[in-house]
C-alpha atoms as a PDB file:
ATOM      1  CA  MET A   1       4.317  13.437  -3.623  1.00  0.00           C
ATOM      2  CA  ALA A   2       6.566  14.801  -0.870  1.00  0.00           C
ATOM      3  CA  LEU A   3       6.334  11.574   1.151  1.00  0.00           C
ATOM      4  CA  ARG A   4       7.640   9.465  -1.738  1.00  0.00           C
ATOM      5  CA  ALA A   5      10.500  11.912  -2.416  1.00  0.00           C
ATOM      6  CA  ALA A   6      11.533  11.884   1.258  1.00  0.00           C
ATOM      7  CA  LEU A   7      11.453   8.080   1.373  1.00  0.00           C
ATOM      8  CA  LEU A   8      13.481   7.812  -1.837  1.00  0.00           C
ATOM      9  CA  ALA A   9      16.101  10.204  -0.468  1.00  0.00           C
ATOM     10  CA  ARG A  10      16.418   8.263   2.787  1.00  0.00           C
ATOM     11  CA  ARG A  11      16.555   4.935   0.976  1.00  0.00           C
ATOM     12  CA  GLY A  12      19.269   6.226  -1.351  1.00  0.00           C
ATOM     13  CA  ALA A  13      21.371   7.325   1.619  1.00  0.00           C
ATOM     14  CA  GLN A  14      21.504   3.821   3.126  1.00  0.00           C
ATOM     15  CA  ASP A  15      24.923   2.211   3.449  1.00  0.00           C
ATOM     16  CA  GLU A  16      25.215  -0.744   1.039  1.00  0.00           C
ATOM     17  CA  VAL A  17      26.951  -2.951   3.639  1.00  0.00           C
ATOM     18  CA  ALA A  18      24.111  -2.313   6.087  1.00  0.00           C
ATOM     19  CA  VAL A  19      21.556  -3.059   3.351  1.00  0.00           C
ATOM     20  CA  GLU A  20      23.228  -6.432   2.745  1.00  0.00           C
ATOM     21  CA  GLN A  21      23.293  -7.269   6.467  1.00  0.00           C
ATOM     22  CA  ARG A  22      19.643  -6.309   6.947  1.00  0.00           C
ATOM     23  CA  SER A  23      18.741  -8.270   3.802  1.00  0.00           C
ATOM     24  CA  GLN A  24      20.294 -11.428   5.254  1.00  0.00           C
ATOM     25  CA  ALA A  25      18.274 -11.016   8.451  1.00  0.00           C
ATOM     26  CA  LEU A  26      15.116 -10.312   6.433  1.00  0.00           C
ATOM     27  CA  THR A  27      15.678 -13.508   4.442  1.00  0.00           C
ATOM     28  CA  ALA A  28      15.732 -15.492   7.699  1.00  0.00           C
ATOM     29  CA  VAL A  29      12.445 -13.869   8.791  1.00  0.00           C
ATOM     30  CA  VAL A  30      10.747 -14.794   5.501  1.00  0.00           C
ATOM     31  CA  HIS A  31      12.124 -18.352   5.647  1.00  0.00           C
ATOM     32  CA  ALA A  32      10.637 -18.782   9.141  1.00  0.00           C
ATOM     33  CA  SER A  33       7.126 -17.782   8.030  1.00  0.00           C
ATOM     34  CA  ASP A  34       4.333 -20.303   7.523  1.00  0.00           C
ATOM     35  CA  ALA A  35       3.420 -18.605   4.240  1.00  0.00           C
ATOM     36  CA  TRP A  36       6.918 -19.339   2.892  1.00  0.00           C
ATOM     37  CA  ARG A  37       7.104 -22.910   4.166  1.00  0.00           C
ATOM     38  CA  HIS A  38       3.725 -23.926   2.760  1.00  0.00           C
ATOM     39  CA  ALA A  39       3.820 -22.084  -0.588  1.00  0.00           C
ATOM     40  CA  PRO A  40       4.330 -24.328  -3.633  1.00  0.00           C
ATOM     41  CA  SER A  41       4.523 -21.260  -5.896  1.00  0.00           C
ATOM     42  CA  ILE A  42       5.996 -17.836  -5.171  1.00  0.00           C
ATOM     43  CA  ALA A  43       5.923 -14.614  -7.162  1.00  0.00           C
ATOM     44  CA  ALA A  44       8.789 -12.359  -6.130  1.00  0.00           C
ATOM     45  CA  PHE A  45      11.089  -9.589  -7.337  1.00  0.00           C
ATOM     46  CA  TYR A  46      14.808  -9.113  -7.844  1.00  0.00           C
ATOM     47  CA  GLY A  47      15.864  -6.391  -5.401  1.00  0.00           C
ATOM     48  CA  VAL A  48      18.032  -3.671  -6.939  1.00  0.00           C
ATOM     49  CA  ARG A  49      19.789  -0.539  -5.743  1.00  0.00           C
ATOM     50  CA  ARG A  50      18.981  -0.013  -2.057  1.00  0.00           C
ATOM     51  CA  GLU A  51      15.960  -2.366  -2.009  1.00  0.00           C
ATOM     52  CA  PRO A  52      16.259  -5.470   0.148  1.00  0.00           C
ATOM     53  CA  HIS A  53      18.524  -7.911  -1.664  1.00  0.00           C
ATOM     54  CA  THR A  54      16.420 -10.914  -2.652  1.00  0.00           C
ATOM     55  CA  VAL A  55      18.907 -13.192  -4.430  1.00  0.00           C
ATOM     56  CA  ALA A  56      19.101 -15.506  -1.391  1.00  0.00           C
ATOM     57  CA  LEU A  57      15.293 -15.769  -1.318  1.00  0.00           C
ATOM     58  CA  LEU A  58      15.092 -16.448  -5.050  1.00  0.00           C
ATOM     59  CA  THR A  59      17.854 -19.048  -4.860  1.00  0.00           C
ATOM     60  CA  SER A  60      16.120 -20.860  -2.009  1.00  0.00           C
ATOM     61  CA  VAL A  61      12.782 -20.915  -3.879  1.00  0.00           C
ATOM     62  CA  LEU A  62      14.536 -22.732  -6.707  1.00  0.00           C
ATOM     63  CA  ALA A  63      16.540 -25.028  -4.402  1.00  0.00           C
ATOM     64  CA  LEU A  64      13.330 -26.108  -2.662  1.00  0.00           C
ATOM     65  CA  GLY A  65      11.694 -26.974  -5.990  1.00  0.00           C
ATOM     66  CA  LYS A  66       8.982 -24.341  -5.644  1.00  0.00           C
ATOM     67  CA  ALA A  67       7.697 -22.540  -8.729  1.00  0.00           C
ATOM     68  CA  LEU A  68       9.272 -19.073  -9.007  1.00  0.00           C
ATOM     69  CA  TRP A  69       7.620 -16.274 -10.972  1.00  0.00           C
ATOM     70  CA  LEU A  70       9.362 -12.943 -11.592  1.00  0.00           C
ATOM     71  CA  PRO A  71       8.019  -9.786 -13.248  1.00  0.00           C
ATOM     72  CA  ALA A  72       8.981  -7.980 -16.427  1.00  0.00           C
ATOM     73  CA  VAL A  73       7.626  -4.544 -17.334  1.00  0.00           C
ATOM     74  CA  ARG A  74       5.391  -4.657 -20.399  1.00  0.00           C
ATOM     75  CA  GLY A  75       4.090  -1.170 -21.169  1.00  0.00           C
ATOM     76  CA  ASP A  76       2.042  -0.103 -18.143  1.00  0.00           C
ATOM     77  CA  ARG A  77       1.768  -3.562 -16.584  1.00  0.00           C
ATOM     78  CA  LEU A  78       3.824  -6.364 -15.091  1.00  0.00           C
ATOM     79  CA  ALA A  79       3.965  -9.727 -16.851  1.00  0.00           C
ATOM     80  CA  PHE A  80       5.231 -12.678 -14.824  1.00  0.00           C
ATOM     81  CA  PHE A  81       7.423 -15.450 -16.178  1.00  0.00           C
ATOM     82  CA  ARG A  82       8.368 -18.795 -14.666  1.00  0.00           C
ATOM     83  CA  VAL A  83      12.079 -18.744 -13.789  1.00  0.00           C
ATOM     84  CA  ARG A  84      13.997 -21.992 -13.345  1.00  0.00           C
ATOM     85  CA  ALA A  85      17.471 -20.457 -12.873  1.00  0.00           C
ATOM     86  CA  LEU A  86      18.702 -16.959 -12.071  1.00  0.00           C
ATOM     87  CA  SER A  87      20.764 -17.124 -15.263  1.00  0.00           C
ATOM     88  CA  GLU A  88      17.422 -16.535 -17.038  1.00  0.00           C
ATOM     89  CA  LEU A  89      17.502 -12.885 -15.888  1.00  0.00           C
ATOM     90  CA  ALA A  90      18.896  -9.957 -17.855  1.00  0.00           C
ATOM     91  CA  PRO A  91      19.414  -6.227 -17.183  1.00  0.00           C
ATOM     92  CA  ALA A  92      16.396  -4.087 -18.056  1.00  0.00           C
ATOM     93  CA  PRO A  93      15.477  -0.374 -17.929  1.00  0.00           C
ATOM     94  CA  PHE A  94      15.505   1.398 -14.542  1.00  0.00           C
ATOM     95  CA  GLY A  95      18.342  -0.868 -13.366  1.00  0.00           C
ATOM     96  CA  LEU A  96      15.983  -3.835 -13.044  1.00  0.00           C
ATOM     97  CA  MET A  97      16.746  -7.504 -13.622  1.00  0.00           C
ATOM     98  CA  GLU A  98      13.969  -9.217 -15.549  1.00  0.00           C
ATOM     99  CA  PRO A  99      13.292 -12.725 -16.842  1.00  0.00           C
ATOM    100  CA  ILE A 100      14.125 -13.126 -20.492  1.00  0.00           C
ATOM    101  CA  GLY A 101      11.370 -15.726 -20.869  1.00  0.00           C
ATOM    102  CA  ALA A 102      12.147 -19.187 -22.178  1.00  0.00           C
ATOM    103  CA  PRO A 103      11.011 -19.948 -25.734  1.00  0.00           C
ATOM    104  CA  GLY A 104       7.375 -20.903 -25.603  1.00  0.00           C
ATOM    105  CA  GLU A 105       7.050 -19.763 -21.978  1.00  0.00           C
ATOM    106  CA  PRO A 106       3.913 -17.623 -21.820  1.00  0.00           C
ATOM    107  CA  GLU A 107       3.790 -14.411 -19.850  1.00  0.00           C
ATOM    108  CA  ARG A 108       1.113 -14.410 -17.202  1.00  0.00           C
ATOM    109  CA  SER A 109      -0.639 -12.011 -14.876  1.00  0.00           C
ATOM    110  CA  LEU A 110      -0.750 -12.603 -11.131  1.00  0.00           C
ATOM    111  CA  GLY A 111      -4.479 -13.219 -11.494  1.00  0.00           C
ATOM    112  CA  GLU A 112      -3.785 -16.095 -13.889  1.00  0.00           C
ATOM    113  CA  LEU A 113      -1.014 -17.520 -11.702  1.00  0.00           C
ATOM    114  CA  ALA A 114      -2.651 -17.121  -8.302  1.00  0.00           C
ATOM    115  CA  PRO A 115       0.625 -17.946  -6.528  1.00  0.00           C
ATOM    116  CA  ALA A 116       0.385 -19.029  -2.903  1.00  0.00           C
ATOM    117  CA  LEU A 117       2.766 -16.217  -1.878  1.00  0.00           C
ATOM    118  CA  VAL A 118       3.616 -12.874  -3.477  1.00  0.00           C
ATOM    119  CA  LEU A 119       6.687 -11.048  -2.147  1.00  0.00           C
ATOM    120  CA  VAL A 120       5.973  -7.374  -2.844  1.00  0.00           C
ATOM    121  CA  PRO A 121       8.535  -4.547  -2.995  1.00  0.00           C
ATOM    122  CA  GLY A 122       7.799  -1.079  -1.687  1.00  0.00           C
ATOM    123  CA  LEU A 123       9.403   2.144  -0.526  1.00  0.00           C
ATOM    124  CA  ALA A 124       7.583   1.832   2.790  1.00  0.00           C
ATOM    125  CA  PHE A 125       4.801  -0.099   4.491  1.00  0.00           C
ATOM    126  CA  SER A 126       2.492   0.329   7.459  1.00  0.00           C
ATOM    127  CA  ARG A 127       1.612  -2.222  10.106  1.00  0.00           C
ATOM    128  CA  SER A 128      -1.960  -2.015   8.789  1.00  0.00           C
ATOM    129  CA  GLY A 129      -0.842  -3.342   5.380  1.00  0.00           C
ATOM    130  CA  ALA A 130      -0.588  -0.103   3.397  1.00  0.00           C
ATOM    131  CA  ARG A 131       2.214   0.161   0.850  1.00  0.00           C
ATOM    132  CA  ILE A 132       3.801   3.002  -1.077  1.00  0.00           C
ATOM    133  CA  GLY A 133       5.780   2.200  -4.195  1.00  0.00           C
ATOM    134  CA  PHE A 134       7.476   4.290  -6.855  1.00  0.00           C
ATOM    135  CA  GLY A 135       4.221   5.853  -8.043  1.00  0.00           C
ATOM    136  CA  ARG A 136       3.651   4.204 -11.393  1.00  0.00           C
ATOM    137  CA  GLY A 137       1.031   1.740 -10.115  1.00  0.00           C
ATOM    138  CA  TYR A 138       2.587  -1.427 -11.562  1.00  0.00           C
ATOM    139  CA  TYR A 139       2.061  -3.505  -8.431  1.00  0.00           C
ATOM    140  CA  ASP A 140      -1.346  -1.987  -7.661  1.00  0.00           C
ATOM    141  CA  ARG A 141      -2.562  -3.167 -11.072  1.00  0.00           C
ATOM    142  CA  ALA A 142      -0.793  -6.531 -10.826  1.00  0.00           C
ATOM    143  CA  LEU A 143      -2.180  -7.286  -7.358  1.00  0.00           C
ATOM    144  CA  ALA A 144      -5.756  -6.113  -8.056  1.00  0.00           C
ATOM    145  CA  PRO A 145      -7.023  -9.550  -9.255  1.00  0.00           C
ATOM    146  CA  LEU A 146      -5.751 -11.097  -6.004  1.00  0.00           C
ATOM    147  CA  ARG A 147      -7.546  -8.644  -3.691  1.00  0.00           C
ATOM    148  CA  ALA A 148     -10.366 -11.017  -2.732  1.00  0.00           C
ATOM    149  CA  ARG A 149      -8.404 -14.277  -2.892  1.00  0.00           C
ATOM    150  CA  THR A 150      -7.882 -16.115   0.373  1.00  0.00           C
ATOM    151  CA  ASP A 151      -5.419 -18.644  -1.085  1.00  0.00           C
ATOM    152  CA  CYS A 152      -2.674 -16.090  -1.805  1.00  0.00           C
ATOM    153  CA  THR A 153      -0.613 -14.262   0.820  1.00  0.00           C
ATOM    154  CA  ARG A 154       0.628 -10.789  -0.114  1.00  0.00           C
ATOM    155  CA  MET A 155       3.808 -10.131   1.894  1.00  0.00           C
ATOM    156  CA  GLY A 156       5.523  -6.751   1.765  1.00  0.00           C
ATOM    157  CA  ILE A 157       9.327  -6.933   1.842  1.00  0.00           C
ATOM    158  CA  GLY A 158      11.145  -3.988   3.421  1.00  0.00           C
ATOM    159  CA  PHE A 159      13.390  -2.740   6.170  1.00  0.00           C
ATOM    160  CA  ASP A 160      12.161  -1.907   9.655  1.00  0.00           C
ATOM    161  CA  ALA A 161      13.230   1.741   9.286  1.00  0.00           C
ATOM    162  CA  PHE A 162      10.624   2.016   6.499  1.00  0.00           C
ATOM    163  CA  LEU A 163       7.763   0.432   8.472  1.00  0.00           C
ATOM    164  CA  ASP A 164       5.437   3.227   9.636  1.00  0.00           C
ATOM    165  CA  PRO A 165       8.151   5.711   8.627  1.00  0.00           C
ATOM    166  CA  PRO A 166       8.697   9.003  10.462  1.00  0.00           C
ATOM    167  CA  GLU A 167       8.151  10.935   7.207  1.00  0.00           C
ATOM    168  CA  GLY A 168       4.422  10.394   7.605  1.00  0.00           C
ATOM    169  CA  PRO A 169       1.601   7.863   7.368  1.00  0.00           C
ATOM    170  CA  ILE A 170       1.331   5.656   4.292  1.00  0.00           C
ATOM    171  CA  PRO A 171      -1.843   6.639   2.418  1.00  0.00           C
ATOM    172  CA  MET A 172      -4.278   3.934   1.357  1.00  0.00           C
ATOM    173  CA  ALA A 173      -6.388   4.785  -1.707  1.00  0.00           C
ATOM    174  CA  ALA A 174      -9.317   2.732  -2.981  1.00  0.00           C
ATOM    175  CA  HIS A 175      -7.162   1.138  -5.721  1.00  0.00           C
ATOM    176  CA  ASP A 176      -4.373   0.137  -3.297  1.00  0.00           C
ATOM    177  CA  VAL A 177      -4.207  -3.561  -2.441  1.00  0.00           C
ATOM    178  CA  PRO A 178      -3.228  -4.112   1.210  1.00  0.00           C
ATOM    179  CA  MET A 179      -0.598  -6.581   2.345  1.00  0.00           C
ATOM    180  CA  HIS A 180      -1.480  -9.551   4.563  1.00  0.00           C
ATOM    181  CA  ALA A 181       1.933  -9.268   6.231  1.00  0.00           C
ATOM    182  CA  VAL A 182       5.108  -7.199   6.106  1.00  0.00           C
ATOM    183  CA  ALA A 183       8.503  -8.855   6.599  1.00  0.00           C
ATOM    184  CA  THR A 184      11.411  -6.776   7.866  1.00  0.00           C
ATOM    185  CA  GLU A 185      14.834  -7.746   9.154  1.00  0.00           C
ATOM    186  CA  LEU A 186      13.428  -7.717  12.707  1.00  0.00           C
ATOM    187  CA  ALA A 187      10.075  -9.486  12.458  1.00  0.00           C
ATOM    188  CA  LEU A 188       7.117 -10.632  10.417  1.00  0.00           C
ATOM    189  CA  HIS A 189       4.259  -8.213  11.024  1.00  0.00           C
ATOM    190  CA  VAL A 190       0.945  -9.947  10.298  1.00  0.00           C
ATOM    191  CA  VAL A 191      -1.905  -7.570   9.480  1.00  0.00           C
ATOM    192  CA  ASP A 192      -5.008  -8.101  11.614  1.00  0.00           C
END
């Protein structure tokens, strides 16, 4: 898809110092949200490469005593593991950091967990809640069981330059699960 390739190229060209600065501002926006403050359990991701850096968010989840769930790729799906310390993460394929899983700690799907808040990565988002990822469908499949749930907020995490990007509109297929909100370094955009 030409849109995905254009977004990947622009993301890859971002200055790492600017990514870190925008990530700090984005963290403050997420921290100020009601969804964050009231969530006892949060499923999130470890931002890599030129994605928003999420270490500060993950650290604060743990410091606040909230349950933190992070994904690991298992074949064509994401399995989520409870993480109690960031030292429980290890390098994985595609440059990812994944939970190693404590002995006896079961892997779970998002449908089984039903976390109060899911922080969702993406290449770009729209103000109407559409999301485009890397094209393998991992998050579309993981989020599908949460589509009809009203007790779980799906919050896209991205930079403002990738919200309704100039490369074109973000398509929304029948299998795509829309976000309830999109957090950027400038604001929290709640989907109507």
